Amino acid sequence: MQIHDLCEQARNTACACGAPPGCPCVCAPQHYHYARLARAARAGLITTEDFAQVIHDADVFQGMDTVTDPGGDAMRPADDGDGFQYETVAELIRAYVGRYGFQDACDAYGEDEVRAACLLGVLT
């Protein structure tokens, strides 16, 4: 399995960073935490051999370290975990800001991502 495929399978689990199933990790849309991939392996979504392939080059890592999804697309549909669908992660973040406020969104998604999503909303 390619790393992109493994990340897609891991996306079906929740992550310790707060990302619910169906959403990218909150640190950056194209990054997935090793812990999330490990959770996917425990859930049977990927094999332990596949997980070993992902961590193969890491000498030392922590669960909250990330792997980059080389085929990831931050501009694809996202689900907020409450049943609301958004066409892009940026829309999901803007909705989060509207619901919970800017600071809570920054805590959940990171200030750079929130500012970028809000700027994108103004430009489009």
Foldseek 3Di string as FASTA:
>chain_A
DDPLQLQLLLLQCADPLGRHRQAAALADRQKHFLLSSVVSCVVVSDPVVVSCVQCVPPPDDDRRDIDGNPPTDQQAWGDRVPGDIDRGVLVVLVVCCVVPNLVVSCSRRNNVSPVVSVVVVVVD
